[in-house]
PDB file of N, CA and C in Angstrom:
ATOM      1  N   MET A   1     -11.215  18.251  15.471  1.00  0.00           N
ATOM      2  CA  MET A   1     -10.554  17.794  14.271  1.00  0.00           C
ATOM      3  C   MET A   1     -11.294  16.562  13.765  1.00  0.00           C
ATOM      4  N   ILE A   2     -11.603  16.567  12.487  1.00  0.00           N
ATOM      5  CA  ILE A   2     -12.296  15.445  11.868  1.00  0.00           C
ATOM      6  C   ILE A   2     -11.259  14.530  11.234  1.00  0.00           C
ATOM      7  N   GLU A   3     -11.193  13.292  11.712  1.00  0.00           N
ATOM      8  CA  GLU A   3     -10.169  12.357  11.245  1.00  0.00           C
ATOM      9  C   GLU A   3     -10.754  11.053  10.716  1.00  0.00           C
ATOM     10  N   THR A   4     -12.060  10.944  10.655  1.00  0.00           N
ATOM     11  CA  THR A   4     -12.673   9.719  10.157  1.00  0.00           C
ATOM     12  C   THR A   4     -13.443  10.010   8.876  1.00  0.00           C
ATOM     13  N   PRO A   5     -13.598   9.030   7.997  1.00  0.00           N
ATOM     14  CA  PRO A   5     -14.292   9.261   6.729  1.00  0.00           C
ATOM     15  C   PRO A   5     -15.729   9.761   6.897  1.00  0.00           C
ATOM     16  N   ARG A   6     -16.401   9.368   7.928  1.00  0.00           N
ATOM     17  CA  ARG A   6     -17.791   9.801   8.137  1.00  0.00           C
ATOM     18  C   ARG A   6     -17.874  11.288   8.488  1.00  0.00           C
ATOM     19  N   GLY A   7     -16.830  11.838   9.099  1.00  0.00           N
ATOM     20  CA  GLY A   7     -16.838  13.233   9.531  1.00  0.00           C
ATOM     21  C   GLY A   7     -17.160  14.232   8.424  1.00  0.00           C
ATOM     22  N   PRO A   8     -16.444  14.211   7.297  1.00  0.00           N
ATOM     23  CA  PRO A   8     -16.756  15.165   6.229  1.00  0.00           C
ATOM     24  C   PRO A   8     -18.160  14.995   5.662  1.00  0.00           C
ATOM     25  N   LEU A   9     -18.670  13.769   5.690  1.00  0.00           N
ATOM     26  CA  LEU A   9     -20.018  13.528   5.174  1.00  0.00           C
ATOM     27  C   LEU A   9     -21.084  14.163   6.057  1.00  0.00           C
ATOM     28  N   THR A  10     -20.754  14.345   7.321  1.00  0.00           N
ATOM     29  CA  THR A  10     -21.714  14.938   8.256  1.00  0.00           C
ATOM     30  C   THR A  10     -21.237  16.296   8.773  1.00  0.00           C
ATOM     31  N   ALA A  11     -20.307  16.929   8.063  1.00  0.00           N
ATOM     32  CA  ALA A  11     -19.728  18.195   8.527  1.00  0.00           C
ATOM     33  C   ALA A  11     -20.783  19.282   8.716  1.00  0.00           C
ATOM     34  N   GLY A  12     -21.770  19.335   7.855  1.00  0.00           N
ATOM     35  CA  GLY A  12     -22.834  20.329   8.008  1.00  0.00           C
ATOM     36  C   GLY A  12     -23.573  20.170   9.316  1.00  0.00           C
ATOM     37  N   GLU A  13     -23.847  18.942   9.680  1.00  0.00           N
ATOM     38  CA  GLU A  13     -24.525  18.658  10.941  1.00  0.00           C
ATOM     39  C   GLU A  13     -23.618  18.975  12.130  1.00  0.00           C
ATOM     40  N   ILE A  14     -22.351  18.602  12.026  1.00  0.00           N
ATOM     41  CA  ILE A  14     -21.391  18.869  13.096  1.00  0.00           C
ATOM     42  C   ILE A  14     -21.216  20.377  13.282  1.00  0.00           C
ATOM     43  N   ALA A  15     -21.186  21.125  12.182  1.00  0.00           N
ATOM     44  CA  ALA A  15     -20.959  22.576  12.234  1.00  0.00           C
ATOM     45  C   ALA A  15     -22.058  23.312  12.985  1.00  0.00           C
ATOM     46  N   GLN A  16     -23.221  22.739  13.074  1.00  0.00           N
ATOM     47  CA  GLN A  16     -24.329  23.399  13.782  1.00  0.00           C
ATOM     48  C   GLN A  16     -24.063  23.517  15.278  1.00  0.00           C
ATOM     49  N   THR A  17     -23.218  22.647  15.811  1.00  0.00           N
ATOM     50  CA  THR A  17     -22.969  22.675  17.260  1.00  0.00           C
ATOM     51  C   THR A  17     -21.507  22.944  17.621  1.00  0.00           C
ATOM     52  N   SER A  18     -20.665  23.173  16.625  1.00  0.00           N
ATOM     53  CA  SER A  18     -19.263  23.444  16.927  1.00  0.00           C
ATOM     54  C   SER A  18     -18.878  24.845  16.452  1.00  0.00           C
ATOM     55  N   GLU A  19     -17.813  25.364  17.006  1.00  0.00           N
ATOM     56  CA  GLU A  19     -17.332  26.685  16.628  1.00  0.00           C
ATOM     57  C   GLU A  19     -16.236  26.624  15.574  1.00  0.00           C
ATOM     58  N   PHE A  20     -15.598  25.463  15.427  1.00  0.00           N
ATOM     59  CA  PHE A  20     -14.461  25.335  14.514  1.00  0.00           C
ATOM     60  C   PHE A  20     -14.362  23.898  14.024  1.00  0.00           C
ATOM     61  N   LEU A  21     -14.088  23.727  12.743  1.00  0.00           N
ATOM     62  CA  LEU A  21     -13.873  22.395  12.172  1.00  0.00           C
ATOM     63  C   LEU A  21     -12.518  22.360  11.492  1.00  0.00           C
ATOM     64  N   SER A  22     -11.826  21.277  11.646  1.00  0.00           N
ATOM     65  CA  SER A  22     -10.558  21.070  10.966  1.00  0.00           C
ATOM     66  C   SER A  22     -10.572  19.667  10.378  1.00  0.00           C
ATOM     67  N   LEU A  23     -10.330  19.570   9.077  1.00  0.00           N
ATOM     68  CA  LEU A  23     -10.279  18.267   8.432  1.00  0.00           C
ATOM     69  C   LEU A  23      -8.833  17.804   8.374  1.00  0.00           C
ATOM     70  N   ALA A  24      -8.550  16.689   8.978  1.00  0.00           N
ATOM     71  CA  ALA A  24      -7.200  16.130   8.982  1.00  0.00           C
ATOM     72  C   ALA A  24      -7.044  15.278   7.725  1.00  0.00           C
ATOM     73  N   THR A  25      -6.694  15.922   6.622  1.00  0.00           N
ATOM     74  CA  THR A  25      -6.680  15.223   5.339  1.00  0.00           C
ATOM     75  C   THR A  25      -5.684  14.077   5.289  1.00  0.00           C
ATOM     76  N   ASN A  26      -4.554  14.201   5.943  1.00  0.00           N
ATOM     77  CA  ASN A  26      -3.588  13.107   5.957  1.00  0.00           C
ATOM     78  C   ASN A  26      -4.180  11.889   6.658  1.00  0.00           C
ATOM     79  N   ASP A  27      -4.789  12.108   7.812  1.00  0.00           N
ATOM     80  CA  ASP A  27      -5.411  11.008   8.556  1.00  0.00           C
ATOM     81  C   ASP A  27      -6.571  10.414   7.767  1.00  0.00           C
ATOM     82  N   LEU A  28      -7.354  11.276   7.109  1.00  0.00           N
ATOM     83  CA  LEU A  28      -8.475  10.776   6.308  1.00  0.00           C
ATOM     84  C   LEU A  28      -7.980   9.912   5.159  1.00  0.00           C
ATOM     85  N   THR A  29      -6.932  10.364   4.490  1.00  0.00           N
ATOM     86  CA  THR A  29      -6.378   9.600   3.373  1.00  0.00           C
ATOM     87  C   THR A  29      -5.859   8.251   3.841  1.00  0.00           C
ATOM     88  N   GLN A  30      -5.127   8.255   4.949  1.00  0.00           N
ATOM     89  CA  GLN A  30      -4.586   6.997   5.477  1.00  0.00           C
ATOM     90  C   GLN A  30      -5.707   6.044   5.857  1.00  0.00           C
ATOM     91  N   THR A  31      -6.757   6.568   6.454  1.00  0.00           N
ATOM     92  CA  THR A  31      -7.869   5.714   6.866  1.00  0.00           C
ATOM     93  C   THR A  31      -8.608   5.154   5.660  1.00  0.00           C
ATOM     94  N   CYS A  32      -8.875   6.014   4.671  1.00  0.00           N
ATOM     95  CA  CYS A  32      -9.623   5.571   3.482  1.00  0.00           C
ATOM     96  C   CYS A  32      -8.831   4.566   2.660  1.00  0.00           C
ATOM     97  N   LEU A  33      -7.535   4.778   2.521  1.00  0.00           N
ATOM     98  CA  LEU A  33      -6.712   3.889   1.711  1.00  0.00           C
ATOM     99  C   LEU A  33      -6.174   2.694   2.499  1.00  0.00           C
ATOM    100  N   GLY A  34      -6.263   2.773   3.810  1.00  0.00           N
ATOM    101  CA  GLY A  34      -5.800   1.672   4.642  1.00  0.00           C
ATOM    102  C   GLY A  34      -4.289   1.531   4.666  1.00  0.00           C
ATOM    103  N   MET A  35      -3.579   2.653   4.538  1.00  0.00           N
ATOM    104  CA  MET A  35      -2.114   2.592   4.580  1.00  0.00           C
ATOM    105  C   MET A  35      -1.568   3.812   5.309  1.00  0.00           C
ATOM    106  N   SER A  36      -0.356   3.695   5.776  1.00  0.00           N
ATOM    107  CA  SER A  36       0.291   4.789   6.479  1.00  0.00           C
ATOM    108  C   SER A  36       1.653   5.054   5.864  1.00  0.00           C
ATOM    109  N   ARG A  37       2.347   6.053   6.382  1.00  0.00           N
ATOM    110  CA  ARG A  37       3.707   6.336   5.912  1.00  0.00           C
ATOM    111  C   ARG A  37       4.613   5.124   6.090  1.00  0.00           C
ATOM    112  N   ASP A  38       4.364   4.368   7.140  1.00  0.00           N
ATOM    113  CA  ASP A  38       5.178   3.175   7.396  1.00  0.00           C
ATOM    114  C   ASP A  38       5.002   2.120   6.303  1.00  0.00           C
ATOM    115  N   ASP A  39       3.849   2.132   5.630  1.00  0.00           N
ATOM    116  CA  ASP A  39       3.571   1.163   4.574  1.00  0.00           C
ATOM    117  C   ASP A  39       4.139   1.592   3.222  1.00  0.00           C
ATOM    118  N   SER A  40       4.549   2.831   3.092  1.00  0.00           N
ATOM    119  CA  SER A  40       4.916   3.379   1.785  1.00  0.00           C
ATOM    120  C   SER A  40       6.081   2.635   1.118  1.00  0.00           C
ATOM    121  N   GLY A  41       6.971   2.062   1.886  1.00  0.00           N
ATOM    122  CA  GLY A  41       8.091   1.340   1.314  1.00  0.00           C
ATOM    123  C   GLY A  41       7.669   0.161   0.464  1.00  0.00           C
ATOM    124  N   SER A  42       6.479  -0.354   0.693  1.00  0.00           N
ATOM    125  CA  SER A  42       6.013  -1.522  -0.061  1.00  0.00           C
ATOM    126  C   SER A  42       5.426  -1.172  -1.418  1.00  0.00           C
ATOM    127  N   PHE A  43       5.005   0.101  -1.630  1.00  0.00           N
ATOM    128  CA  PHE A  43       4.387   0.427  -2.906  1.00  0.00           C
ATOM    129  C   PHE A  43       5.007   1.611  -3.645  1.00  0.00           C
ATOM    130  N   ILE A  44       5.704   2.506  -2.955  1.00  0.00           N
ATOM    131  CA  ILE A  44       6.301   3.671  -3.626  1.00  0.00           C
ATOM    132  C   ILE A  44       7.294   3.265  -4.720  1.00  0.00           C
ATOM    133  N   PRO A  45       8.185   2.290  -4.497  1.00  0.00           N
ATOM    134  CA  PRO A  45       9.106   1.911  -5.571  1.00  0.00           C
ATOM    135  C   PRO A  45       8.380   1.488  -6.860  1.00  0.00           C
ATOM    136  N   ALA A  46       7.298   0.786  -6.741  1.00  0.00           N
ATOM    137  CA  ALA A  46       6.547   0.351  -7.920  1.00  0.00           C
ATOM    138  C   ALA A  46       5.919   1.533  -8.652  1.00  0.00           C
ATOM    139  N   CYS A  47       5.588   2.584  -7.920  1.00  0.00           N
ATOM    140  CA  CYS A  47       4.980   3.771  -8.530  1.00  0.00           C
ATOM    141  C   CYS A  47       6.007   4.689  -9.171  1.00  0.00           C
ATOM    142  N   THR A  48       7.223   4.663  -8.672  1.00  0.00           N
ATOM    143  CA  THR A  48       8.227   5.611  -9.157  1.00  0.00           C
ATOM    144  C   THR A  48       9.201   5.016 -10.169  1.00  0.00           C
ATOM    145  N   HIS A  49       9.283   3.697 -10.251  1.00  0.00           N
ATOM    146  CA  HIS A  49      10.192   3.040 -11.192  1.00  0.00           C
ATOM    147  C   HIS A  49       9.399   2.081 -12.077  1.00  0.00           C
ATOM    148  N   PRO A  50       9.107   2.512 -13.300  1.00  0.00           N
ATOM    149  CA  PRO A  50       8.285   1.646 -14.191  1.00  0.00           C
ATOM    150  C   PRO A  50       8.993   0.364 -14.590  1.00  0.00           C
TER     151      PRO A  50
END
């Protein structure tokens, strides 16, 4: 399972030696944005209530 931002960038190289790849998009998003579900309470209200 690829869970780091560098993984998708090198997926072609990784695929040469692996039989299966899975991209953990939730983990990738959390890592790239630097936030988790636990952090959502601090910004979701601002996004949903103008």
